[in-house]
PDB file of N, CA and C in Angstrom:
ATOM      1  N   UNK A   1     -20.217  34.051   7.429  1.00  0.00           N
ATOM      2  CA  UNK A   1     -19.320  34.234   8.557  1.00  0.00           C
ATOM      3  C   UNK A   1     -18.816  32.869   9.014  1.00  0.00           C
ATOM      4  N   UNK A   2     -17.541  32.816   9.357  1.00  0.00           N
ATOM      5  CA  UNK A   2     -16.936  31.568   9.783  1.00  0.00           C
ATOM      6  C   UNK A   2     -16.847  31.541  11.311  1.00  0.00           C
ATOM      7  N   UNK A   3     -17.401  30.510  11.923  1.00  0.00           N
ATOM      8  CA  UNK A   3     -17.393  30.381  13.380  1.00  0.00           C
ATOM      9  C   UNK A   3     -16.219  29.507  13.827  1.00  0.00           C
ATOM     10  N   UNK A   4     -15.781  29.680  15.068  1.00  0.00           N
ATOM     11  CA  UNK A   4     -14.643  28.889  15.546  1.00  0.00           C
ATOM     12  C   UNK A   4     -15.016  27.422  15.745  1.00  0.00           C
ATOM     13  N   UNK A   5     -14.015  26.571  15.671  1.00  0.00           N
ATOM     14  CA  UNK A   5     -14.228  25.149  15.936  1.00  0.00           C
ATOM     15  C   UNK A   5     -14.570  24.957  17.406  1.00  0.00           C
ATOM     16  N   UNK A   6     -15.265  23.900  17.692  1.00  0.00           N
ATOM     17  CA  UNK A   6     -15.634  23.574  19.065  1.00  0.00           C
ATOM     18  C   UNK A   6     -14.370  23.286  19.881  1.00  0.00           C
ATOM     19  N   UNK A   7     -14.192  23.942  21.031  1.00  0.00           N
ATOM     20  CA  UNK A   7     -12.992  23.681  21.838  1.00  0.00           C
ATOM     21  C   UNK A   7     -12.994  22.306  22.494  1.00  0.00           C
ATOM     22  N   UNK A   8     -14.162  21.675  22.584  1.00  0.00           N
ATOM     23  CA  UNK A   8     -14.254  20.362  23.241  1.00  0.00           C
ATOM     24  C   UNK A   8     -13.969  19.216  22.270  1.00  0.00           C
ATOM     25  N   UNK A   9     -14.661  19.212  21.123  1.00  0.00           N
ATOM     26  CA  UNK A   9     -14.508  18.091  20.181  1.00  0.00           C
ATOM     27  C   UNK A   9     -13.855  18.500  18.858  1.00  0.00           C
ATOM     28  N   UNK A  10     -13.530  19.776  18.699  1.00  0.00           N
ATOM     29  CA  UNK A  10     -12.867  20.319  17.498  1.00  0.00           C
ATOM     30  C   UNK A  10     -13.716  20.245  16.237  1.00  0.00           C
ATOM     31  N   UNK A  11     -15.025  20.097  16.385  1.00  0.00           N
ATOM     32  CA  UNK A  11     -15.930  20.023  15.241  1.00  0.00           C
ATOM     33  C   UNK A  11     -16.041  21.392  14.564  1.00  0.00           C
ATOM     34  N   UNK A  12     -16.243  21.391  13.252  1.00  0.00           N
ATOM     35  CA  UNK A  12     -16.413  22.631  12.508  1.00  0.00           C
ATOM     36  C   UNK A  12     -17.891  23.012  12.375  1.00  0.00           C
ATOM     37  N   UNK A  13     -18.801  22.137  12.814  1.00  0.00           N
ATOM     38  CA  UNK A  13     -20.243  22.380  12.714  1.00  0.00           C
ATOM     39  C   UNK A  13     -20.738  23.197  13.903  1.00  0.00           C
ATOM     40  N   UNK A  14     -20.331  24.425  14.016  1.00  0.00           N
ATOM     41  CA  UNK A  14     -20.751  25.268  15.134  1.00  0.00           C
ATOM     42  C   UNK A  14     -21.609  26.415  14.618  1.00  0.00           C
ATOM     43  N   UNK A  15     -22.410  26.963  15.517  1.00  0.00           N
ATOM     44  CA  UNK A  15     -23.247  28.101  15.155  1.00  0.00           C
ATOM     45  C   UNK A  15     -23.405  29.020  16.356  1.00  0.00           C
ATOM     46  N   UNK A  16     -23.869  30.230  16.093  1.00  0.00           N
ATOM     47  CA  UNK A  16     -24.066  31.238  17.129  1.00  0.00           C
ATOM     48  C   UNK A  16     -25.529  31.265  17.535  1.00  0.00           C
ATOM     49  N   UNK A  17     -25.788  31.142  18.842  1.00  0.00           N
ATOM     50  CA  UNK A  17     -27.146  31.206  19.375  1.00  0.00           C
ATOM     51  C   UNK A  17     -27.137  32.198  20.521  1.00  0.00           C
ATOM     52  N   UNK A  18     -27.882  33.297  20.387  1.00  0.00           N
ATOM     53  CA  UNK A  18     -27.834  34.426  21.322  1.00  0.00           C
ATOM     54  C   UNK A  18     -26.384  34.904  21.414  1.00  0.00           C
ATOM     55  N   UNK A  19     -25.756  34.825  22.581  1.00  0.00           N
ATOM     56  CA  UNK A  19     -24.360  35.257  22.705  1.00  0.00           C
ATOM     57  C   UNK A  19     -23.418  34.083  22.900  1.00  0.00           C
ATOM     58  N   UNK A  20     -23.916  32.862  22.729  1.00  0.00           N
ATOM     59  CA  UNK A  20     -23.102  31.661  22.899  1.00  0.00           C
ATOM     60  C   UNK A  20     -22.886  30.956  21.567  1.00  0.00           C
ATOM     61  N   UNK A  21     -21.727  30.311  21.457  1.00  0.00           N
ATOM     62  CA  UNK A  21     -21.497  29.398  20.343  1.00  0.00           C
ATOM     63  C   UNK A  21     -21.972  28.020  20.792  1.00  0.00           C
ATOM     64  N   UNK A  22     -22.511  27.242  19.842  1.00  0.00           N
ATOM     65  CA  UNK A  22     -23.050  25.917  20.149  1.00  0.00           C
ATOM     66  C   UNK A  22     -22.488  24.914  19.158  1.00  0.00           C
ATOM     67  N   UNK A  23     -22.155  23.739  19.682  1.00  0.00           N
ATOM     68  CA  UNK A  23     -21.706  22.631  18.840  1.00  0.00           C
ATOM     69  C   UNK A  23     -22.820  21.587  18.816  1.00  0.00           C
ATOM     70  N   UNK A  24     -23.427  21.312  17.659  1.00  0.00           N
ATOM     71  CA  UNK A  24     -24.504  20.327  17.601  1.00  0.00           C
ATOM     72  C   UNK A  24     -24.006  18.883  17.727  1.00  0.00           C
ATOM     73  N   UNK A  25     -22.708  18.671  17.552  1.00  0.00           N
ATOM     74  CA  UNK A  25     -22.172  17.311  17.627  1.00  0.00           C
ATOM     75  C   UNK A  25     -22.014  16.835  19.076  1.00  0.00           C
ATOM     76  N   UNK A  26     -21.466  17.707  19.949  1.00  0.00           N
ATOM     77  CA  UNK A  26     -21.242  17.282  21.344  1.00  0.00           C
ATOM     78  C   UNK A  26     -22.080  18.099  22.329  1.00  0.00           C
ATOM     79  N   UNK A  27     -22.904  19.033  21.828  1.00  0.00           N
ATOM     80  CA  UNK A  27     -23.810  19.866  22.621  1.00  0.00           C
ATOM     81  C   UNK A  27     -23.071  20.806  23.588  1.00  0.00           C
ATOM     82  N   UNK A  28     -21.825  21.109  23.272  1.00  0.00           N
ATOM     83  CA  UNK A  28     -21.042  22.027  24.105  1.00  0.00           C
ATOM     84  C   UNK A  28     -21.410  23.467  23.745  1.00  0.00           C
ATOM     85  N   UNK A  29     -21.579  24.322  24.787  1.00  0.00           N
ATOM     86  CA  UNK A  29     -21.840  25.745  24.581  1.00  0.00           C
ATOM     87  C   UNK A  29     -20.712  26.538  25.231  1.00  0.00           C
ATOM     88  N   UNK A  30     -20.293  27.625  24.581  1.00  0.00           N
ATOM     89  CA  UNK A  30     -19.243  28.469  25.141  1.00  0.00           C
ATOM     90  C   UNK A  30     -19.394  29.891  24.637  1.00  0.00           C
ATOM     91  N   UNK A  31     -18.782  30.799  25.371  1.00  0.00           N
ATOM     92  CA  UNK A  31     -18.784  32.208  24.987  1.00  0.00           C
ATOM     93  C   UNK A  31     -17.502  32.518  24.223  1.00  0.00           C
ATOM     94  N   UNK A  32     -17.502  33.631  23.529  1.00  0.00           N
ATOM     95  CA  UNK A  32     -16.338  34.008  22.727  1.00  0.00           C
ATOM     96  C   UNK A  32     -15.111  34.234  23.599  1.00  0.00           C
ATOM     97  N   UNK A  33     -15.280  34.754  24.835  1.00  0.00           N
ATOM     98  CA  UNK A  33     -14.148  34.998  25.723  1.00  0.00           C
ATOM     99  C   UNK A  33     -13.426  33.703  26.060  1.00  0.00           C
ATOM    100  N   UNK A  34     -14.159  32.594  26.109  1.00  0.00           N
ATOM    101  CA  UNK A  34     -13.569  31.312  26.457  1.00  0.00           C
ATOM    102  C   UNK A  34     -12.639  30.803  25.370  1.00  0.00           C
ATOM    103  N   UNK A  35     -12.771  31.327  24.169  1.00  0.00           N
ATOM    104  CA  UNK A  35     -11.897  30.902  23.073  1.00  0.00           C
ATOM    105  C   UNK A  35     -10.465  31.301  23.374  1.00  0.00           C
ATOM    106  N   UNK A  36     -10.273  32.503  23.882  1.00  0.00           N
ATOM    107  CA  UNK A  36      -8.917  32.944  24.185  1.00  0.00           C
ATOM    108  C   UNK A  36      -8.313  32.100  25.298  1.00  0.00           C
ATOM    109  N   UNK A  37      -9.116  31.674  26.264  1.00  0.00           N
ATOM    110  CA  UNK A  37      -8.625  30.795  27.328  1.00  0.00           C
ATOM    111  C   UNK A  37      -8.204  29.466  26.728  1.00  0.00           C
ATOM    112  N   UNK A  38      -9.000  28.943  25.796  1.00  0.00           N
ATOM    113  CA  UNK A  38      -8.654  27.686  25.145  1.00  0.00           C
ATOM    114  C   UNK A  38      -7.374  27.838  24.323  1.00  0.00           C
ATOM    115  N   UNK A  39      -7.213  28.965  23.629  1.00  0.00           N
ATOM    116  CA  UNK A  39      -6.005  29.198  22.849  1.00  0.00           C
ATOM    117  C   UNK A  39      -4.786  29.275  23.757  1.00  0.00           C
ATOM    118  N   UNK A  40      -4.926  29.918  24.913  1.00  0.00           N
ATOM    119  CA  UNK A  40      -3.816  29.984  25.861  1.00  0.00           C
ATOM    120  C   UNK A  40      -3.494  28.591  26.392  1.00  0.00           C
ATOM    121  N   UNK A  41      -4.509  27.764  26.625  1.00  0.00           N
ATOM    122  CA  UNK A  41      -4.284  26.415  27.125  1.00  0.00           C
ATOM    123  C   UNK A  41      -3.514  25.589  26.104  1.00  0.00           C
ATOM    124  N   UNK A  42      -3.802  25.809  24.814  1.00  0.00           N
ATOM    125  CA  UNK A  42      -3.070  25.097  23.774  1.00  0.00           C
ATOM    126  C   UNK A  42      -1.609  25.511  23.763  1.00  0.00           C
ATOM    127  N   UNK A  43      -1.320  26.780  24.061  1.00  0.00           N
ATOM    128  CA  UNK A  43       0.055  27.259  24.128  1.00  0.00           C
ATOM    129  C   UNK A  43       0.744  26.745  25.388  1.00  0.00           C
ATOM    130  N   UNK A  44      -0.020  26.308  26.382  1.00  0.00           N
ATOM    131  CA  UNK A  44       0.553  25.763  27.591  1.00  0.00           C
ATOM    132  C   UNK A  44       0.737  26.783  28.695  1.00  0.00           C
ATOM    133  N   UNK A  45       0.282  28.014  28.527  1.00  0.00           N
ATOM    134  CA  UNK A  45       0.472  29.044  29.536  1.00  0.00           C
ATOM    135  C   UNK A  45      -0.861  29.690  29.875  1.00  0.00           C
ATOM    136  N   UNK A  46      -1.458  29.261  30.982  1.00  0.00           N
ATOM    137  CA  UNK A  46      -2.672  29.879  31.490  1.00  0.00           C
ATOM    138  C   UNK A  46      -2.356  30.354  32.901  1.00  0.00           C
ATOM    139  N   UNK A  47      -2.426  31.670  33.106  1.00  0.00           N
ATOM    140  CA  UNK A  47      -2.110  32.262  34.404  1.00  0.00           C
ATOM    141  C   UNK A  47      -3.381  32.889  34.954  1.00  0.00           C
ATOM    142  N   UNK A  48      -3.731  32.523  36.188  1.00  0.00           N
ATOM    143  CA  UNK A  48      -4.928  33.060  36.824  1.00  0.00           C
ATOM    144  C   UNK A  48      -4.546  33.853  38.051  1.00  0.00           C
ATOM    145  N   UNK A  49      -5.329  34.906  38.339  1.00  0.00           N
ATOM    146  CA  UNK A  49      -5.078  35.704  39.538  1.00  0.00           C
ATOM    147  C   UNK A  49      -5.684  35.018  40.753  1.00  0.00           C
ATOM    148  N   UNK A  50      -5.675  35.697  41.888  1.00  0.00           N
ATOM    149  CA  UNK A  50      -6.155  35.126  43.136  1.00  0.00           C
ATOM    150  C   UNK A  50      -7.637  34.757  43.071  1.00  0.00           C
ATOM    151  N   UNK A  51      -8.415  35.441  42.236  1.00  0.00           N
ATOM    152  CA  UNK A  51      -9.842  35.173  42.105  1.00  0.00           C
ATOM    153  C   UNK A  51     -10.169  34.171  40.999  1.00  0.00           C
ATOM    154  N   UNK A  52      -9.161  33.659  40.310  1.00  0.00           N
ATOM    155  CA  UNK A  52      -9.389  32.696  39.238  1.00  0.00           C
ATOM    156  C   UNK A  52      -9.638  33.317  37.884  1.00  0.00           C
ATOM    157  N   UNK A  53      -9.425  34.625  37.752  1.00  0.00           N
ATOM    158  CA  UNK A  53      -9.602  35.310  36.472  1.00  0.00           C
ATOM    159  C   UNK A  53      -8.336  35.098  35.638  1.00  0.00           C
ATOM    160  N   UNK A  54      -8.501  34.723  34.379  1.00  0.00           N
ATOM    161  CA  UNK A  54      -7.362  34.471  33.501  1.00  0.00           C
ATOM    162  C   UNK A  54      -6.709  35.798  33.125  1.00  0.00           C
ATOM    163  N   UNK A  55      -5.393  35.866  33.276  1.00  0.00           N
ATOM    164  CA  UNK A  55      -4.628  37.065  32.942  1.00  0.00           C
ATOM    165  C   UNK A  55      -4.033  36.937  31.553  1.00  0.00           C
ATOM    166  N   UNK A  56      -3.818  38.079  30.902  1.00  0.00           N
ATOM    167  CA  UNK A  56      -3.214  38.127  29.578  1.00  0.00           C
ATOM    168  C   UNK A  56      -2.062  39.122  29.588  1.00  0.00           C
ATOM    169  N   UNK A  57      -1.184  39.009  28.600  1.00  0.00           N
ATOM    170  CA  UNK A  57      -0.113  39.989  28.457  1.00  0.00           C
ATOM    171  C   UNK A  57      -0.710  41.379  28.260  1.00  0.00           C
ATOM    172  N   UNK A  58      -0.158  42.370  28.951  1.00  0.00           N
ATOM    173  CA  UNK A  58      -0.629  43.745  28.821  1.00  0.00           C
ATOM    174  C   UNK A  58      -1.698  44.131  29.822  1.00  0.00           C
ATOM    175  N   UNK A  59      -2.199  43.189  30.613  1.00  0.00           N
ATOM    176  CA  UNK A  59      -3.211  43.505  31.627  1.00  0.00           C
ATOM    177  C   UNK A  59      -2.619  44.363  32.739  1.00  0.00           C
ATOM    178  N   UNK A  60      -3.503  44.971  33.531  1.00  0.00           N
ATOM    179  CA  UNK A  60      -3.116  45.672  34.746  1.00  0.00           C
ATOM    180  C   UNK A  60      -3.613  44.864  35.934  1.00  0.00           C
ATOM    181  N   UNK A  61      -2.782  44.790  36.987  1.00  0.00           N
ATOM    182  CA  UNK A  61      -3.136  44.049  38.185  1.00  0.00           C
ATOM    183  C   UNK A  61      -2.852  44.903  39.415  1.00  0.00           C
ATOM    184  N   UNK A  62      -3.427  44.489  40.551  1.00  0.00           N
ATOM    185  CA  UNK A  62      -3.242  45.174  41.824  1.00  0.00           C
ATOM    186  C   UNK A  62      -2.779  44.135  42.838  1.00  0.00           C
ATOM    187  N   UNK A  63      -1.759  44.484  43.643  1.00  0.00           N
ATOM    188  CA  UNK A  63      -1.296  43.550  44.670  1.00  0.00           C
ATOM    189  C   UNK A  63      -2.329  43.464  45.777  1.00  0.00           C
ATOM    190  N   UNK A  64      -2.496  42.279  46.358  1.00  0.00           N
ATOM    191  CA  UNK A  64      -3.528  42.088  47.384  1.00  0.00           C
ATOM    192  C   UNK A  64      -2.950  42.107  48.787  1.00  0.00           C
ATOM    193  N   UNK A  65      -1.620  42.045  48.907  1.00  0.00           N
ATOM    194  CA  UNK A  65      -0.988  42.105  50.217  1.00  0.00           C
ATOM    195  C   UNK A  65       0.383  42.747  50.078  1.00  0.00           C
ATOM    196  N   UNK A  66       0.950  43.177  51.190  1.00  0.00           N
ATOM    197  CA  UNK A  66       2.277  43.773  51.176  1.00  0.00           C
ATOM    198  C   UNK A  66       3.302  42.677  50.908  1.00  0.00           C
ATOM    199  N   UNK A  67       4.139  42.906  49.887  1.00  0.00           N
ATOM    200  CA  UNK A  67       5.100  41.897  49.462  1.00  0.00           C
ATOM    201  C   UNK A  67       6.520  42.359  49.765  1.00  0.00           C
ATOM    202  N   UNK A  68       7.289  41.583  50.538  1.00  0.00           N
ATOM    203  CA  UNK A  68       8.681  41.962  50.795  1.00  0.00           C
ATOM    204  C   UNK A  68       9.518  41.780  49.529  1.00  0.00           C
ATOM    205  N   UNK A  69      10.537  42.629  49.356  1.00  0.00           N
ATOM    206  CA  UNK A  69      11.415  42.558  48.197  1.00  0.00           C
ATOM    207  C   UNK A  69      12.784  42.100  48.681  1.00  0.00           C
ATOM    208  N   UNK A  70      13.258  40.983  48.142  1.00  0.00           N
ATOM    209  CA  UNK A  70      14.552  40.449  48.559  1.00  0.00           C
ATOM    210  C   UNK A  70      15.665  41.438  48.223  1.00  0.00           C
ATOM    211  N   UNK A  71      16.594  41.594  49.154  1.00  0.00           N
ATOM    212  CA  UNK A  71      17.750  42.451  48.922  1.00  0.00           C
ATOM    213  C   UNK A  71      17.554  43.895  49.326  1.00  0.00           C
ATOM    214  N   UNK A  72      16.332  44.270  49.727  1.00  0.00           N
ATOM    215  CA  UNK A  72      16.082  45.648  50.165  1.00  0.00           C
ATOM    216  C   UNK A  72      15.229  45.614  51.430  1.00  0.00           C
ATOM    217  N   UNK A  73      15.198  46.745  52.094  1.00  0.00           N
ATOM    218  CA  UNK A  73      14.335  46.846  53.275  1.00  0.00           C
ATOM    219  C   UNK A  73      12.953  47.357  52.892  1.00  0.00           C
ATOM    220  N   UNK A  74      12.762  47.727  51.628  1.00  0.00           N
ATOM    221  CA  UNK A  74      11.473  48.202  51.152  1.00  0.00           C
ATOM    222  C   UNK A  74      10.551  47.036  50.824  1.00  0.00           C
ATOM    223  N   UNK A  75       9.270  47.333  50.726  1.00  0.00           N
ATOM    224  CA  UNK A  75       8.302  46.319  50.314  1.00  0.00           C
ATOM    225  C   UNK A  75       7.275  46.965  49.386  1.00  0.00           C
ATOM    226  N   UNK A  76       6.618  46.120  48.603  1.00  0.00           N
ATOM    227  CA  UNK A  76       5.555  46.579  47.703  1.00  0.00           C
ATOM    228  C   UNK A  76       4.267  46.549  48.506  1.00  0.00           C
ATOM    229  N   UNK A  77       3.651  47.690  48.681  1.00  0.00           N
ATOM    230  CA  UNK A  77       2.463  47.806  49.521  1.00  0.00           C
ATOM    231  C   UNK A  77       1.237  47.191  48.851  1.00  0.00           C
ATOM    232  N   UNK A  78       0.321  46.709  49.668  1.00  0.00           N
ATOM    233  CA  UNK A  78      -0.945  46.186  49.164  1.00  0.00           C
ATOM    234  C   UNK A  78      -1.692  47.303  48.450  1.00  0.00           C
ATOM    235  N   UNK A  79      -2.288  46.995  47.315  1.00  0.00           N
ATOM    236  CA  UNK A  79      -3.026  47.988  46.544  1.00  0.00           C
ATOM    237  C   UNK A  79      -2.197  48.673  45.476  1.00  0.00           C
ATOM    238  N   UNK A  80      -0.922  48.284  45.328  1.00  0.00           N
ATOM    239  CA  UNK A  80      -0.069  48.873  44.290  1.00  0.00           C
ATOM    240  C   UNK A  80      -0.535  48.384  42.928  1.00  0.00           C
ATOM    241  N   UNK A  81      -0.797  49.333  42.023  1.00  0.00           N
ATOM    242  CA  UNK A  81      -1.249  48.968  40.685  1.00  0.00           C
ATOM    243  C   UNK A  81      -0.048  48.746  39.784  1.00  0.00           C
ATOM    244  N   UNK A  82      -0.062  47.633  39.074  1.00  0.00           N
ATOM    245  CA  UNK A  82       1.008  47.271  38.157  1.00  0.00           C
ATOM    246  C   UNK A  82       0.405  47.199  36.764  1.00  0.00           C
ATOM    247  N   UNK A  83       0.963  47.969  35.830  1.00  0.00           N
ATOM    248  CA  UNK A  83       0.428  48.031  34.469  1.00  0.00           C
ATOM    249  C   UNK A  83       1.302  47.246  33.502  1.00  0.00           C
ATOM    250  N   UNK A  84       0.695  46.814  32.431  1.00  0.00           N
ATOM    251  CA  UNK A  84       1.392  46.196  31.303  1.00  0.00           C
ATOM    252  C   UNK A  84       2.251  45.002  31.733  1.00  0.00           C
ATOM    253  N   UNK A  85       1.607  43.985  32.275  1.00  0.00           N
ATOM    254  CA  UNK A  85       2.329  42.799  32.734  1.00  0.00           C
ATOM    255  C   UNK A  85       2.688  41.900  31.555  1.00  0.00           C
ATOM    256  N   UNK A  86       3.687  41.052  31.770  1.00  0.00           N
ATOM    257  CA  UNK A  86       4.081  40.053  30.781  1.00  0.00           C
ATOM    258  C   UNK A  86       4.064  38.699  31.481  1.00  0.00           C
ATOM    259  N   UNK A  87       3.396  37.725  30.889  1.00  0.00           N
ATOM    260  CA  UNK A  87       3.289  36.393  31.478  1.00  0.00           C
ATOM    261  C   UNK A  87       4.461  35.530  31.035  1.00  0.00           C
ATOM    262  N   UNK A  88       5.031  34.802  31.999  1.00  0.00           N
ATOM    263  CA  UNK A  88       6.177  33.937  31.719  1.00  0.00           C
ATOM    264  C   UNK A  88       5.981  32.603  32.429  1.00  0.00           C
ATOM    265  N   UNK A  89       6.740  31.601  32.030  1.00  0.00           N
ATOM    266  CA  UNK A  89       6.729  30.290  32.688  1.00  0.00           C
ATOM    267  C   UNK A  89       7.492  30.397  34.000  1.00  0.00           C
ATOM    268  N   UNK A  90       7.147  29.565  34.962  1.00  0.00           N
ATOM    269  CA  UNK A  90       7.909  29.489  36.197  1.00  0.00           C
ATOM    270  C   UNK A  90       7.086  29.817  37.426  1.00  0.00           C
ATOM    271  N   UNK A  91       7.756  29.812  38.579  1.00  0.00           N
ATOM    272  CA  UNK A  91       7.116  30.067  39.866  1.00  0.00           C
ATOM    273  C   UNK A  91       6.601  31.504  39.957  1.00  0.00           C
ATOM    274  N   UNK A  92       7.451  32.467  39.620  1.00  0.00           N
ATOM    275  CA  UNK A  92       7.053  33.875  39.547  1.00  0.00           C
ATOM    276  C   UNK A  92       6.652  34.121  38.098  1.00  0.00           C
ATOM    277  N   UNK A  93       5.354  34.009  37.810  1.00  0.00           N
ATOM    278  CA  UNK A  93       4.897  33.957  36.425  1.00  0.00           C
ATOM    279  C   UNK A  93       4.442  35.291  35.839  1.00  0.00           C
ATOM    280  N   UNK A  94       4.746  36.409  36.515  1.00  0.00           N
ATOM    281  CA  UNK A  94       4.427  37.734  35.984  1.00  0.00           C
ATOM    282  C   UNK A  94       5.687  38.585  36.014  1.00  0.00           C
ATOM    283  N   UNK A  95       6.105  39.079  34.853  1.00  0.00           N
ATOM    284  CA  UNK A  95       7.194  40.051  34.774  1.00  0.00           C
ATOM    285  C   UNK A  95       6.573  41.425  34.593  1.00  0.00           C
ATOM    286  N   UNK A  96       7.121  42.422  35.297  1.00  0.00           N
ATOM    287  CA  UNK A  96       6.549  43.759  35.222  1.00  0.00           C
ATOM    288  C   UNK A  96       7.572  44.791  35.685  1.00  0.00           C
ATOM    289  N   UNK A  97       7.209  46.058  35.553  1.00  0.00           N
ATOM    290  CA  UNK A  97       7.997  47.161  36.095  1.00  0.00           C
ATOM    291  C   UNK A  97       7.111  47.894  37.080  1.00  0.00           C
ATOM    292  N   UNK A  98       7.648  48.143  38.266  1.00  0.00           N
ATOM    293  CA  UNK A  98       6.905  48.841  39.311  1.00  0.00           C
ATOM    294  C   UNK A  98       7.615  50.152  39.590  1.00  0.00           C
ATOM    295  N   UNK A  99       6.853  51.255  39.589  1.00  0.00           N
ATOM    296  CA  UNK A  99       7.432  52.569  39.863  1.00  0.00           C
ATOM    297  C   UNK A  99       8.128  52.560  41.219  1.00  0.00           C
ATOM    298  N   UNK A 100       9.372  53.021  41.248  1.00  0.00           N
ATOM    299  CA  UNK A 100      10.135  53.077  42.480  1.00  0.00           C
ATOM    300  C   UNK A 100      10.926  51.818  42.769  1.00  0.00           C
ATOM    301  N   UNK A 101      10.656  50.722  42.031  1.00  0.00           N
ATOM    302  CA  UNK A 101      11.370  49.464  42.251  1.00  0.00           C
ATOM    303  C   UNK A 101      12.086  48.988  40.995  1.00  0.00           C
ATOM    304  N   UNK A 102      11.509  49.226  39.833  1.00  0.00           N
ATOM    305  CA  UNK A 102      12.079  48.735  38.584  1.00  0.00           C
ATOM    306  C   UNK A 102      11.479  47.409  38.185  1.00  0.00           C
ATOM    307  N   UNK A 103      12.276  46.609  37.478  1.00  0.00           N
ATOM    308  CA  UNK A 103      11.805  45.319  36.971  1.00  0.00           C
ATOM    309  C   UNK A 103      11.593  44.339  38.126  1.00  0.00           C
ATOM    310  N   UNK A 104      10.478  43.628  38.080  1.00  0.00           N
ATOM    311  CA  UNK A 104      10.111  42.690  39.141  1.00  0.00           C
ATOM    312  C   UNK A 104       9.492  41.436  38.531  1.00  0.00           C
ATOM    313  N   UNK A 105       9.518  40.375  39.320  1.00  0.00           N
ATOM    314  CA  UNK A 105       8.797  39.149  38.989  1.00  0.00           C
ATOM    315  C   UNK A 105       7.844  38.876  40.150  1.00  0.00           C
ATOM    316  N   UNK A 106       6.564  38.703  39.853  1.00  0.00           N
ATOM    317  CA  UNK A 106       5.549  38.487  40.875  1.00  0.00           C
ATOM    318  C   UNK A 106       4.879  37.130  40.680  1.00  0.00           C
ATOM    319  N   UNK A 107       4.317  36.617  41.758  1.00  0.00           N
ATOM    320  CA  UNK A 107       3.505  35.416  41.672  1.00  0.00           C
ATOM    321  C   UNK A 107       2.057  35.834  41.445  1.00  0.00           C
ATOM    322  N   UNK A 108       1.360  35.127  40.583  1.00  0.00           N
ATOM    323  CA  UNK A 108      -0.019  35.491  40.253  1.00  0.00           C
ATOM    324  C   UNK A 108      -0.964  35.307  41.434  1.00  0.00           C
ATOM    325  N   UNK A 109      -0.583  34.521  42.425  1.00  0.00           N
ATOM    326  CA  UNK A 109      -1.470  34.292  43.573  1.00  0.00           C
ATOM    327  C   UNK A 109      -1.535  35.486  44.523  1.00  0.00           C
ATOM    328  N   UNK A 110      -0.686  36.504  44.284  1.00  0.00           N
ATOM    329  CA  UNK A 110      -0.687  37.694  45.145  1.00  0.00           C
ATOM    330  C   UNK A 110      -1.219  38.935  44.433  1.00  0.00           C
ATOM    331  N   UNK A 111      -1.861  38.758  43.281  1.00  0.00           N
ATOM    332  CA  UNK A 111      -2.416  39.886  42.533  1.00  0.00           C
ATOM    333  C   UNK A 111      -3.856  39.582  42.121  1.00  0.00           C
ATOM    334  N   UNK A 112      -4.600  40.652  41.835  1.00  0.00           N
ATOM    335  CA  UNK A 112      -5.917  40.506  41.230  1.00  0.00           C
ATOM    336  C   UNK A 112      -6.000  41.437  40.037  1.00  0.00           C
ATOM    337  N   UNK A 113      -6.792  41.076  39.055  1.00  0.00           N
ATOM    338  CA  UNK A 113      -6.920  41.878  37.851  1.00  0.00           C
ATOM    339  C   UNK A 113      -7.584  43.196  38.170  1.00  0.00           C
ATOM    340  N   UNK A 114      -7.036  44.282  37.625  1.00  0.00           N
ATOM    341  CA  UNK A 114      -7.570  45.617  37.897  1.00  0.00           C
ATOM    342  C   UNK A 114      -8.726  45.933  36.973  1.00  0.00           C
TER     343      UNK A 114
END
């Protein structure tokens, strides 16, 4: 079985110990979930929710507060579940579709992972 390179020093001398990967060269330990975070960091796009949980394309999120919508008198209520998000660069870093509103762009600081 081939193990991933160390995300800290990029060494190929890694092994699996219990549920953690270990690098004997720099003594770094990490879990498999952290690999995807490292891969996202290499791409330059890491988006975290209000609790610091890393979001991915296709995740579902819930709004944490009532959000006003520009151009309408309606607002997105707190607790609205948004499915199948898409992460993008910029200030509003989540593209999604919300029932009753259509296509929207949200800030990750106003959502939490569902």
